[in-house]
N, C-alpha and C. Protein backbone atom coordinates (compact mmCIF):
# COMPACT_ATOMS: atom_id res chain seq x y z
N MET A 1 -61.50 -42.62 53.28
CA MET A 1 -60.24 -42.95 54.19
C MET A 1 -60.44 -42.06 55.65
N LEU A 2 -61.23 -41.07 55.68
CA LEU A 2 -61.48 -40.36 56.91
C LEU A 2 -62.23 -41.24 57.91
N HIS A 3 -62.98 -42.36 57.57
CA HIS A 3 -63.76 -43.07 58.48
C HIS A 3 -62.57 -43.92 59.17
N LEU A 4 -61.67 -44.54 58.44
CA LEU A 4 -60.65 -45.37 58.94
C LEU A 4 -59.72 -44.39 59.86
N ALA A 5 -59.47 -43.22 59.65
CA ALA A 5 -58.79 -42.43 60.58
C ALA A 5 -59.60 -42.25 61.98
N GLY A 6 -60.88 -42.23 61.87
CA GLY A 6 -61.67 -42.13 63.09
C GLY A 6 -61.42 -43.46 63.90
N LEU A 7 -61.43 -44.66 63.24
CA LEU A 7 -61.26 -45.85 63.78
C LEU A 7 -59.87 -45.86 64.54
N LEU A 8 -58.85 -45.38 63.76
CA LEU A 8 -57.43 -45.35 64.56
C LEU A 8 -57.62 -44.43 65.65
N ASP A 9 -58.27 -43.35 65.65
CA ASP A 9 -58.34 -42.42 66.83
C ASP A 9 -59.08 -43.24 68.00
N GLU A 10 -60.14 -44.01 67.90
CA GLU A 10 -60.85 -44.70 68.69
C GLU A 10 -59.81 -45.80 69.35
N LEU A 11 -58.99 -46.49 68.47
CA LEU A 11 -58.24 -47.55 68.78
C LEU A 11 -57.20 -46.89 69.90
N GLU A 12 -56.58 -45.64 69.69
CA GLU A 12 -55.82 -45.10 70.68
C GLU A 12 -56.39 -44.69 72.01
N ARG A 13 -57.68 -44.40 71.89
CA ARG A 13 -58.37 -44.10 73.34
C ARG A 13 -59.02 -45.11 73.93
N SER A 14 -59.33 -46.22 73.35
CA SER A 14 -60.28 -47.31 73.97
C SER A 14 -59.55 -48.46 74.39
N GLU A 15 -59.41 -48.87 75.56
CA GLU A 15 -58.73 -50.02 76.17
C GLU A 15 -59.40 -51.39 75.41
N PRO A 16 -60.63 -51.42 75.40
CA PRO A 16 -61.26 -52.74 74.57
C PRO A 16 -60.58 -52.75 73.23
N ALA A 17 -60.59 -51.66 72.51
CA ALA A 17 -60.23 -51.50 71.16
C ALA A 17 -58.85 -52.05 70.99
N ARG A 18 -57.95 -51.58 71.94
CA ARG A 18 -56.49 -51.89 71.92
C ARG A 18 -56.47 -53.43 72.36
N ALA A 19 -57.21 -53.87 73.17
CA ALA A 19 -57.11 -55.32 73.40
C ALA A 19 -57.59 -56.22 72.36
N ALA A 20 -58.64 -55.79 71.57
CA ALA A 20 -59.12 -56.42 70.47
C ALA A 20 -57.97 -56.37 69.29
N MET A 21 -57.40 -55.27 69.16
CA MET A 21 -56.45 -55.20 68.14
C MET A 21 -55.14 -56.12 68.42
N ALA A 22 -54.81 -56.24 69.82
CA ALA A 22 -53.69 -57.09 70.11
C ALA A 22 -54.09 -58.54 69.71
N ILE A 23 -55.44 -58.92 69.93
CA ILE A 23 -55.78 -60.37 69.66
C ILE A 23 -55.71 -60.44 68.09
N LEU A 24 -56.27 -59.53 67.42
CA LEU A 24 -56.15 -59.56 65.94
C LEU A 24 -54.56 -59.76 65.31
N GLU A 25 -53.93 -58.89 65.86
CA GLU A 25 -52.56 -58.80 65.63
C GLU A 25 -51.89 -60.24 65.86
N SER A 26 -52.13 -60.62 66.93
CA SER A 26 -51.64 -62.11 67.51
C SER A 26 -51.94 -63.26 66.35
N ALA A 27 -53.28 -63.08 66.07
CA ALA A 27 -53.88 -64.13 65.17
C ALA A 27 -53.22 -63.95 63.74
N LEU A 28 -53.14 -62.71 63.38
CA LEU A 28 -52.74 -62.41 61.92
C LEU A 28 -51.07 -62.84 61.88
N ALA A 29 -50.52 -62.76 63.00
CA ALA A 29 -48.96 -63.14 62.97
C ALA A 29 -48.80 -64.46 62.63
N ARG A 30 -49.63 -65.42 62.92
CA ARG A 30 -49.62 -66.75 62.42
C ARG A 30 -49.96 -67.12 60.98
N ARG A 31 -50.16 -66.07 60.34
CA ARG A 31 -50.65 -66.29 59.05
C ARG A 31 -49.50 -65.81 58.12
N SER A 32 -49.55 -66.44 56.64
CA SER A 32 -48.71 -65.86 55.65
C SER A 32 -48.72 -64.37 55.47
N VAL A 33 -47.88 -63.79 54.80
CA VAL A 33 -47.93 -62.42 54.32
C VAL A 33 -49.21 -62.34 53.37
N GLU A 34 -49.31 -63.29 52.51
CA GLU A 34 -50.29 -63.33 51.47
C GLU A 34 -51.71 -63.20 52.37
N GLU A 35 -51.91 -64.13 53.40
CA GLU A 35 -53.11 -64.32 54.01
C GLU A 35 -53.41 -62.92 54.73
N GLN A 36 -52.29 -62.48 55.25
CA GLN A 36 -52.55 -61.09 56.03
C GLN A 36 -52.96 -59.92 54.98
N THR A 37 -52.37 -59.94 53.92
CA THR A 37 -52.80 -58.93 52.99
C THR A 37 -54.17 -59.19 52.47
N ALA A 38 -54.52 -60.42 52.15
CA ALA A 38 -56.05 -60.63 51.75
C ALA A 38 -56.90 -60.29 52.82
N PHE A 39 -56.55 -60.37 53.99
CA PHE A 39 -57.43 -60.11 55.27
C PHE A 39 -57.74 -58.57 55.09
N TRP A 40 -56.58 -57.73 55.16
CA TRP A 40 -56.64 -56.32 55.09
C TRP A 40 -57.33 -55.85 53.92
N ARG A 41 -57.14 -56.58 52.90
CA ARG A 41 -57.98 -56.05 51.67
C ARG A 41 -59.42 -56.30 51.83
N ALA A 42 -59.81 -57.28 52.43
CA ALA A 42 -61.22 -57.56 52.67
C ALA A 42 -61.84 -56.58 53.72
N VAL A 43 -61.11 -56.32 54.68
CA VAL A 43 -61.44 -55.08 55.66
C VAL A 43 -61.50 -53.80 54.84
N ASP A 44 -60.67 -53.52 54.02
CA ASP A 44 -60.75 -52.28 53.29
C ASP A 44 -61.89 -52.20 52.41
N LEU A 45 -62.16 -53.35 51.77
CA LEU A 45 -63.36 -53.45 50.80
C LEU A 45 -64.77 -53.17 51.69
N TYR A 46 -64.78 -53.86 52.84
CA TYR A 46 -65.85 -53.80 53.53
C TYR A 46 -66.22 -52.54 54.21
N TYR A 47 -65.17 -51.81 54.81
CA TYR A 47 -65.38 -50.72 55.46
C TYR A 47 -64.93 -49.37 54.81
N VAL A 48 -64.24 -49.25 53.76
CA VAL A 48 -63.94 -48.20 53.10
C VAL A 48 -64.78 -48.11 51.70
N SER A 49 -65.16 -49.14 51.09
CA SER A 49 -65.79 -49.09 49.82
C SER A 49 -67.20 -48.75 49.94
N ARG A 50 -67.83 -48.64 48.93
CA ARG A 50 -69.37 -48.28 48.81
C ARG A 50 -70.24 -49.64 49.18
N LYS A 51 -69.52 -50.69 49.42
CA LYS A 51 -70.18 -51.78 49.54
C LYS A 51 -70.42 -51.87 51.29
N ALA A 52 -69.82 -50.95 52.14
CA ALA A 52 -70.15 -51.02 53.47
C ALA A 52 -71.52 -50.35 53.76
N PRO A 53 -72.04 -50.88 54.79
CA PRO A 53 -73.54 -50.55 55.14
C PRO A 53 -73.38 -49.05 55.45
N PRO A 54 -74.60 -48.26 55.38
CA PRO A 54 -74.42 -46.83 55.78
C PRO A 54 -74.42 -46.74 57.24
N GLU A 55 -73.81 -45.60 57.64
CA GLU A 55 -73.90 -45.18 59.05
C GLU A 55 -75.16 -45.03 59.62
N PRO A 56 -75.54 -45.63 60.74
CA PRO A 56 -76.89 -45.40 61.27
C PRO A 56 -77.22 -44.03 61.69
N THR A 57 -78.37 -43.69 61.20
CA THR A 57 -78.85 -42.28 61.62
C THR A 57 -79.83 -42.33 62.80
N PRO A 58 -80.19 -41.16 63.32
CA PRO A 58 -81.19 -41.42 64.49
C PRO A 58 -82.57 -41.84 63.94
N GLY A 59 -82.95 -41.46 62.61
CA GLY A 59 -84.20 -42.00 62.10
C GLY A 59 -84.14 -43.48 61.88
N MET A 60 -82.90 -44.12 61.63
CA MET A 60 -82.79 -45.57 61.34
C MET A 60 -82.88 -46.34 62.57
N ILE A 61 -82.15 -45.79 63.76
CA ILE A 61 -82.29 -46.35 64.95
C ILE A 61 -83.81 -46.46 65.57
N GLY A 62 -84.41 -45.37 65.48
CA GLY A 62 -85.77 -45.33 66.03
C GLY A 62 -86.62 -46.14 65.23
N ALA A 63 -86.38 -46.51 63.99
CA ALA A 63 -87.42 -47.25 63.15
C ALA A 63 -87.34 -48.63 63.43
N ALA A 64 -86.09 -49.19 63.98
CA ALA A 64 -86.01 -50.72 64.23
C ALA A 64 -87.17 -51.34 65.03
N PRO A 65 -87.50 -50.65 66.28
CA PRO A 65 -88.51 -51.14 67.06
C PRO A 65 -89.87 -51.17 66.40
N GLN A 66 -90.23 -50.17 65.64
CA GLN A 66 -91.51 -50.03 64.80
C GLN A 66 -91.52 -51.16 63.90
N LEU A 67 -90.41 -51.45 63.24
CA LEU A 67 -90.46 -52.50 62.31
C LEU A 67 -90.61 -53.85 62.97
N ALA A 68 -89.98 -54.05 64.07
CA ALA A 68 -90.24 -55.37 64.82
C ALA A 68 -91.74 -55.52 65.24
N ALA A 69 -92.30 -54.52 65.67
CA ALA A 69 -93.66 -54.53 66.09
C ALA A 69 -94.66 -54.89 65.04
N ALA A 70 -94.34 -54.31 63.83
CA ALA A 70 -95.17 -54.56 62.64
C ALA A 70 -95.18 -56.00 62.25
N VAL A 71 -94.19 -56.66 62.62
CA VAL A 71 -94.11 -58.13 62.35
C VAL A 71 -94.86 -59.06 63.06
């Protein structure tokens, strides 16, 4: 849950993040409570569970151009 707390901190500091959240909340407001719940459950599964992709590390970021050049 620590990662989610970091996202909430960014939401408070970032104007683009606040604008995106306003758009998301507006879209979700048109959905049923069940659909809203299912959406947030899916977000939770993706970002909080072990199914989420690993955080990029400096080694991972530097490896991408090398992999592309090898192809």
